[in-house]
C-alpha atoms as a PDB file:
ATOM      1  CA  GLN A   1     112.184 107.621 112.640  1.00  0.00           C
ATOM      2  CA  VAL A   2     110.312 104.455 111.879  1.00  0.00           C
ATOM      3  CA  GLN A   3     109.023 104.114 107.985  1.00  0.00           C
ATOM      4  CA  TYR A   4     107.983 101.543 105.747  1.00  0.00           C
ATOM      5  CA  VAL A   5     108.454 101.916 102.167  1.00  0.00           C
ATOM      6  CA  GLU A   6     106.353  98.775 100.531  1.00  0.00           C
ATOM      7  CA  SER A   7     106.765  98.033  96.679  1.00  0.00           C
ATOM      8  CA  GLY A   8     106.224  95.437  94.162  1.00  0.00           C
ATOM      9  CA  GLY A   9     102.226  95.587  93.528  1.00  0.00           C
ATOM     10  CA  GLY A  10     100.791  95.595  90.147  1.00  0.00           C
ATOM     11  CA  MET A  11      98.023  93.825  88.256  1.00  0.00           C
ATOM     12  CA  VAL A  12      98.407  89.989  87.997  1.00  0.00           C
ATOM     13  CA  GLN A  13      96.151  87.489  86.258  1.00  0.00           C
ATOM     14  CA  PRO A  14      95.187  84.813  88.391  1.00  0.00           C
ATOM     15  CA  GLY A  15      97.768  82.009  88.809  1.00  0.00           C
ATOM     16  CA  GLY A  16     100.620  84.871  88.312  1.00  0.00           C
ATOM     17  CA  SER A  17     103.079  85.729  90.626  1.00  0.00           C
ATOM     18  CA  LEU A  18     104.499  89.039  92.552  1.00  0.00           C
ATOM     19  CA  ARG A  19     107.329  89.518  94.697  1.00  0.00           C
ATOM     20  CA  LEU A  20     106.500  92.458  97.355  1.00  0.00           C
ATOM     21  CA  SER A  21     109.454  93.884  99.229  1.00  0.00           C
ATOM     22  CA  CYS A  22     109.310  96.394 102.749  1.00  0.00           C
ATOM     23  CA  SER A  23     112.407  98.749 103.180  1.00  0.00           C
ATOM     24  CA  ALA A  24     112.375  99.806 106.583  1.00  0.00           C
ATOM     25  CA  SER A  25     114.073 102.278 108.291  1.00  0.00           C
ATOM     26  CA  GLY A  26     114.423 103.557 111.888  1.00  0.00           C
ATOM     27  CA  PHE A  27     114.921 100.196 113.236  1.00  0.00           C
ATOM     28  CA  THR A  28     116.316  96.905 112.524  1.00  0.00           C
ATOM     29  CA  VAL A  29     114.153  94.054 111.156  1.00  0.00           C
ATOM     30  CA  SER A  30     116.085  91.450 112.383  1.00  0.00           C
ATOM     31  CA  ASN A  31     115.470  92.673 115.914  1.00  0.00           C
ATOM     32  CA  TYR A  32     111.424  92.415 115.649  1.00  0.00           C
ATOM     33  CA  ALA A  33     109.115  89.955 114.633  1.00  0.00           C
ATOM     34  CA  MET A  34     107.756  91.454 111.183  1.00  0.00           C
ATOM     35  CA  THR A  35     104.151  91.084 109.829  1.00  0.00           C
ATOM     36  CA  TRP A  36     102.965  91.558 106.521  1.00  0.00           C
ATOM     37  CA  TYR A  37      99.370  92.612 106.409  1.00  0.00           C
ATOM     38  CA  ARG A  38      96.638  93.105 103.578  1.00  0.00           C
ATOM     39  CA  GLN A  39      93.081  94.856 103.305  1.00  0.00           C
ATOM     40  CA  ALA A  40      90.905  94.817 100.798  1.00  0.00           C
ATOM     41  CA  PRO A  41      88.355  97.209  99.983  1.00  0.00           C
ATOM     42  CA  GLY A  42      85.579  97.171 102.230  1.00  0.00           C
ATOM     43  CA  GLN A  43      87.522  94.842 104.645  1.00  0.00           C
ATOM     44  CA  GLU A  44      89.411  94.740 108.118  1.00  0.00           C
ATOM     45  CA  ARG A  45      93.186  94.469 108.203  1.00  0.00           C
ATOM     46  CA  GLU A  46      94.267  90.990 108.053  1.00  0.00           C
ATOM     47  CA  ILE A  47      97.460  89.380 109.019  1.00  0.00           C
ATOM     48  CA  VAL A  48      99.189  87.518 106.087  1.00  0.00           C
ATOM     49  CA  ALA A  49     102.516  86.124 107.349  1.00  0.00           C
ATOM     50  CA  VAL A  50     104.473  86.667 110.537  1.00  0.00           C
ATOM     51  CA  MET A  51     108.293  85.938 110.729  1.00  0.00           C
ATOM     52  CA  SER A  52     109.913  85.693 114.152  1.00  0.00           C
ATOM     53  CA  ARG A  53     112.576  87.997 115.205  1.00  0.00           C
ATOM     54  CA  ALA A  54     115.081  85.217 114.594  1.00  0.00           C
ATOM     55  CA  GLY A  55     113.930  84.718 111.098  1.00  0.00           C
ATOM     56  CA  ASP A  56     113.494  80.993 111.388  1.00  0.00           C
ATOM     57  CA  ASN A  57     109.858  80.291 111.609  1.00  0.00           C
ATOM     58  CA  VAL A  58     106.794  81.810 109.663  1.00  0.00           C
ATOM     59  CA  VAL A  59     103.163  81.500 110.423  1.00  0.00           C
ATOM     60  CA  TYR A  60     100.862  81.956 107.187  1.00  0.00           C
ATOM     61  CA  HIS A  61      97.159  82.452 107.099  1.00  0.00           C
ATOM     62  CA  ASP A  62      95.379  79.581 106.250  1.00  0.00           C
ATOM     63  CA  ALA A  63      94.439  81.338 103.063  1.00  0.00           C
ATOM     64  CA  VAL A  64      97.817  81.587 101.591  1.00  0.00           C
ATOM     65  CA  LYS A  65      99.494  78.800 103.201  1.00  0.00           C
ATOM     66  CA  GLY A  66     101.388  76.899 100.241  1.00  0.00           C
ATOM     67  CA  ARG A  67     101.474  79.849  97.824  1.00  0.00           C
ATOM     68  CA  PHE A  68     103.205  82.900  99.706  1.00  0.00           C
ATOM     69  CA  ILE A  69     106.319  82.932 101.107  1.00  0.00           C
ATOM     70  CA  MET A  70     107.789  85.436 103.323  1.00  0.00           C
ATOM     71  CA  SER A  71     111.580  86.235 103.875  1.00  0.00           C
ATOM     72  CA  ARG A  72     114.210  88.733 105.367  1.00  0.00           C
ATOM     73  CA  ASP A  73     117.212  89.912 104.252  1.00  0.00           C
ATOM     74  CA  SER A  74     118.939  91.747 106.874  1.00  0.00           C
ATOM     75  CA  ALA A  75     121.757  93.225 105.410  1.00  0.00           C
ATOM     76  CA  ILE A  76     119.448  95.870 103.541  1.00  0.00           C
ATOM     77  CA  ASN A  77     117.088  95.739 106.313  1.00  0.00           C
ATOM     78  CA  THR A  78     114.163  94.659 104.052  1.00  0.00           C
ATOM     79  CA  VAL A  79     111.524  91.848 104.214  1.00  0.00           C
ATOM     80  CA  TYR A  80     109.759  90.371 101.247  1.00  0.00           C
ATOM     81  CA  LEU A  81     106.501  88.239 100.400  1.00  0.00           C
ATOM     82  CA  GLN A  82     106.384  86.352  97.346  1.00  0.00           C
ATOM     83  CA  MET A  83     103.201  85.567  96.405  1.00  0.00           C
ATOM     84  CA  ASN A  84     102.847  82.675  93.943  1.00  0.00           C
ATOM     85  CA  ASN A  85      99.504  80.952  92.243  1.00  0.00           C
ATOM     86  CA  LEU A  86      97.644  84.300  92.655  1.00  0.00           C
ATOM     87  CA  LYS A  87      93.846  84.402  93.100  1.00  0.00           C
ATOM     88  CA  PRO A  88      91.237  87.152  92.811  1.00  0.00           C
ATOM     89  CA  GLU A  89      90.640  86.964  96.620  1.00  0.00           C
ATOM     90  CA  ASP A  90      94.432  88.299  97.203  1.00  0.00           C
ATOM     91  CA  THR A  91      93.161  91.444  95.895  1.00  0.00           C
ATOM     92  CA  ALA A  92      94.447  94.090  98.463  1.00  0.00           C
ATOM     93  CA  ARG A  93      96.618  96.854  99.713  1.00  0.00           C
ATOM     94  CA  TYR A  94      99.805  95.199 101.151  1.00  0.00           C
ATOM     95  CA  TYR A  95     101.720  96.476 104.173  1.00  0.00           C
ATOM     96  CA  CYS A  96     104.366  95.401 106.308  1.00  0.00           C
ATOM     97  CA  LYS A  97     105.069  96.113 110.272  1.00  0.00           C
ATOM     98  CA  ALA A  98     107.165  95.399 112.973  1.00  0.00           C
ATOM     99  CA  ALA A  99     105.672  93.697 115.867  1.00  0.00           C
ATOM    100  CA  TRP A 100     106.315  96.525 118.728  1.00  0.00           C
ATOM    101  CA  PRO A 101     105.488  95.983 122.013  1.00  0.00           C
ATOM    102  CA  LYS A 102     101.763  97.204 122.679  1.00  0.00           C
ATOM    103  CA  SER A 103     102.855 100.291 124.891  1.00  0.00           C
ATOM    104  CA  ASP A 104     105.080 101.462 122.022  1.00  0.00           C
ATOM    105  CA  ILE A 105     103.667 104.396 120.164  1.00  0.00           C
ATOM    106  CA  ARG A 106     105.864 103.411 117.129  1.00  0.00           C
ATOM    107  CA  GLY A 107     103.297 100.661 116.630  1.00  0.00           C
ATOM    108  CA  ASN A 108     100.875 103.260 115.539  1.00  0.00           C
ATOM    109  CA  ILE A 109     103.103 103.931 112.110  1.00  0.00           C
ATOM    110  CA  TRP A 110     102.286 102.211 109.020  1.00  0.00           C
ATOM    111  CA  GLY A 111     103.301 102.835 105.394  1.00  0.00           C
ATOM    112  CA  LYS A 112     101.753 103.469 102.444  1.00  0.00           C
ATOM    113  CA  GLY A 113     101.552 100.130 101.181  1.00  0.00           C
ATOM    114  CA  THR A 114     101.378  98.568  97.816  1.00  0.00           C
ATOM    115  CA  LEU A 115      98.303  97.443  95.376  1.00  0.00           C
ATOM    116  CA  VAL A 116      97.946  93.908  94.373  1.00  0.00           C
ATOM    117  CA  THR A 117      95.432  93.488  91.944  1.00  0.00           C
ATOM    118  CA  VAL A 118      94.565  89.692  90.945  1.00  0.00           C
ATOM    119  CA  SER A 119      91.944  89.707  87.363  1.00  0.00           C
ATOM    120  CA  SER A 120      91.761  88.246  84.388  1.00  0.00           C
END
């Protein structure tokens, strides 16, 4: 059964850093492209970063380029999001998810996410 457990969120001051983790089970993260999403209160969920299946390419949302780094540890089936120089507009709940084919019902599964609050 596919499951995502996101962790590492918290409250941090502007300019601070956090490292989010996403421990996946029920599938192998290195077999799929992986995505970090975020959803701020009252807003639509948006893509933050996408890592290719090979793990050799990551595409970032313009708003986080140069500040966030997505990585993967295939040995423990976990993906990470290193977030630096955090801004108040980064406040959101963050989720990870595999890029399933559109016809795959596993694409409907989400974790609980981890809450990031950036505030002075």
